Protein backbone atom coordinates (compact mmCIF):
# COMPACT_ATOMS: atom_id res chain seq x y z
CA MET A 1 -60.69 22.72 -20.60
CA SER A 2 -57.66 24.97 -20.00
CA VAL A 3 -54.97 25.04 -22.69
CA PRO A 4 -51.42 25.24 -21.36
CA LYS A 5 -49.37 28.25 -22.49
CA ILE A 6 -45.65 28.54 -22.96
CA ILE A 7 -44.38 31.93 -21.80
CA ILE A 8 -41.28 33.26 -23.52
CA ARG A 9 -39.42 36.13 -21.81
CA GLU A 10 -37.79 38.92 -23.76
CA LYS A 11 -34.10 38.16 -24.38
CA VAL A 12 -31.87 40.61 -22.51
CA LEU A 13 -28.46 38.94 -22.68
CA THR A 14 -26.60 37.82 -25.81
CA ILE A 15 -24.18 34.93 -25.56
CA LEU A 16 -21.87 34.66 -28.52
CA LEU A 17 -20.62 31.08 -28.68
CA ALA A 18 -17.73 30.23 -30.99
CA LYS A 19 -15.40 27.29 -31.54
CA ASP A 20 -11.69 28.12 -31.39
CA GLU A 21 -9.05 25.42 -32.00
CA GLY A 22 -10.86 22.66 -30.08
CA ASN A 23 -12.23 24.87 -27.31
CA TYR A 24 -15.41 26.89 -27.13
CA CYS A 25 -15.50 30.55 -26.20
CA ALA A 26 -18.59 32.33 -24.87
CA TYR A 27 -18.86 36.10 -24.67
CA CYS A 28 -21.62 38.21 -23.18
CA PRO A 29 -21.26 41.73 -24.73
CA GLU A 30 -23.81 43.34 -22.43
CA LEU A 31 -21.72 42.52 -19.36
CA ASP A 32 -18.31 42.08 -21.01
CA ILE A 33 -17.88 38.54 -19.58
CA VAL A 34 -15.88 35.82 -21.34
CA SER A 35 -15.44 32.13 -20.72
CA GLU A 36 -13.55 29.35 -22.53
CA MET A 37 -14.10 25.63 -21.99
CA GLU A 38 -13.68 22.30 -23.80
CA ASN A 39 -17.28 21.84 -24.92
CA PRO A 40 -20.31 24.08 -25.58
CA GLU A 41 -22.46 22.81 -22.76
CA ILE A 42 -19.76 23.38 -20.13
CA VAL A 43 -18.94 26.89 -21.44
CA ILE A 44 -22.60 27.89 -21.22
CA GLU A 45 -22.83 26.54 -17.62
CA ASP A 46 -19.64 28.42 -16.76
CA MET A 47 -21.04 31.57 -18.35
CA ILE A 48 -24.22 31.27 -16.24
CA GLU A 49 -22.12 30.97 -13.09
CA ALA A 50 -19.96 33.95 -14.09
CA ILE A 51 -23.06 36.09 -14.84
CA LYS A 52 -24.56 35.18 -11.43
CA GLU A 53 -21.30 35.90 -9.58
CA TYR A 54 -20.82 39.23 -11.38
CA SER A 55 -24.39 40.27 -10.62
CA GLU A 56 -24.01 39.41 -6.92
CA GLU A 57 -20.74 41.32 -6.72
CA TYR A 58 -22.24 44.29 -8.56
CA MET A 59 -25.18 44.45 -6.15
CA GLN A 60 -22.86 44.14 -3.12
CA ASN A 61 -20.76 47.06 -4.43
CA ILE A 62 -23.51 48.98 -6.20
CA GLU A 63 -22.19 52.44 -5.22
CA LEU A 64 -18.83 51.68 -6.74
CA TYR A 65 -20.10 50.03 -9.94
CA THR A 66 -22.79 52.59 -10.70
CA LYS A 67 -20.13 55.35 -10.60
CA SER A 68 -17.75 53.46 -12.88
CA PRO A 69 -17.87 54.69 -16.50
CA ASN A 70 -17.43 51.23 -17.94
CA ARG A 71 -19.83 49.40 -15.54
CA ALA A 72 -22.63 51.85 -14.77
CA HIS A 73 -24.66 50.80 -17.81
CA HIS A 74 -24.76 47.21 -16.49
CA LEU A 75 -27.25 48.16 -13.74
CA PRO A 76 -30.48 47.32 -15.66
CA TYR A 77 -29.07 43.95 -16.70
CA VAL A 78 -27.87 43.14 -13.18
CA GLN A 79 -31.24 44.09 -11.69
CA THR A 80 -33.02 41.79 -14.14
CA ILE A 81 -30.59 38.95 -13.42
CA SER A 82 -30.98 39.48 -9.66
CA ASN A 83 -34.73 38.96 -10.05
CA CYS A 84 -34.19 35.44 -11.49
CA LYS A 85 -35.14 32.77 -8.97
CA ASN A 86 -33.04 30.01 -10.62
CA ASP A 87 -30.81 29.14 -13.54
CA TRP A 88 -33.78 28.33 -15.77
CA GLU A 89 -35.07 31.87 -15.44
CA LEU A 90 -31.61 33.22 -16.17
CA ARG A 91 -31.40 30.97 -19.29
CA MET A 92 -34.68 32.43 -20.46
CA LEU A 93 -33.02 35.87 -20.56
CA MET A 94 -30.20 34.60 -22.79
CA GLU A 95 -30.05 34.43 -26.59
CA ILE A 96 -27.22 32.15 -27.70
CA LYS A 97 -25.70 32.90 -31.12
CA HIS A 98 -23.26 30.43 -32.66
CA GLY A 99 -20.24 31.37 -34.83
CA PHE A 100 -16.58 31.02 -35.54
CA ILE A 101 -13.67 33.16 -34.38
CA GLN A 102 -11.92 34.88 -37.25
CA LEU A 103 -8.66 36.73 -36.73
């Protein structure tokens, strides 16, 4: 009898999720992407879309981005994201950390 296995991928992206005066803010430090929405589920979905859109734009303009001093280091992340076949695979790359915003 075969025993099913759960495969966990190495986390590559950090999503810092914080509550701020009724809204939720998500920040991905590896790609310097920020989103703010009214609840935590929506802000994570928005962050997934923003990460996918950024990765697509990066790959379309790879010559420009890889020469940019503040974007060149994103290439390994973008390549890993581009290999994801769906949102589930992208979610498997993400580690979500919860916190509060302190000014």
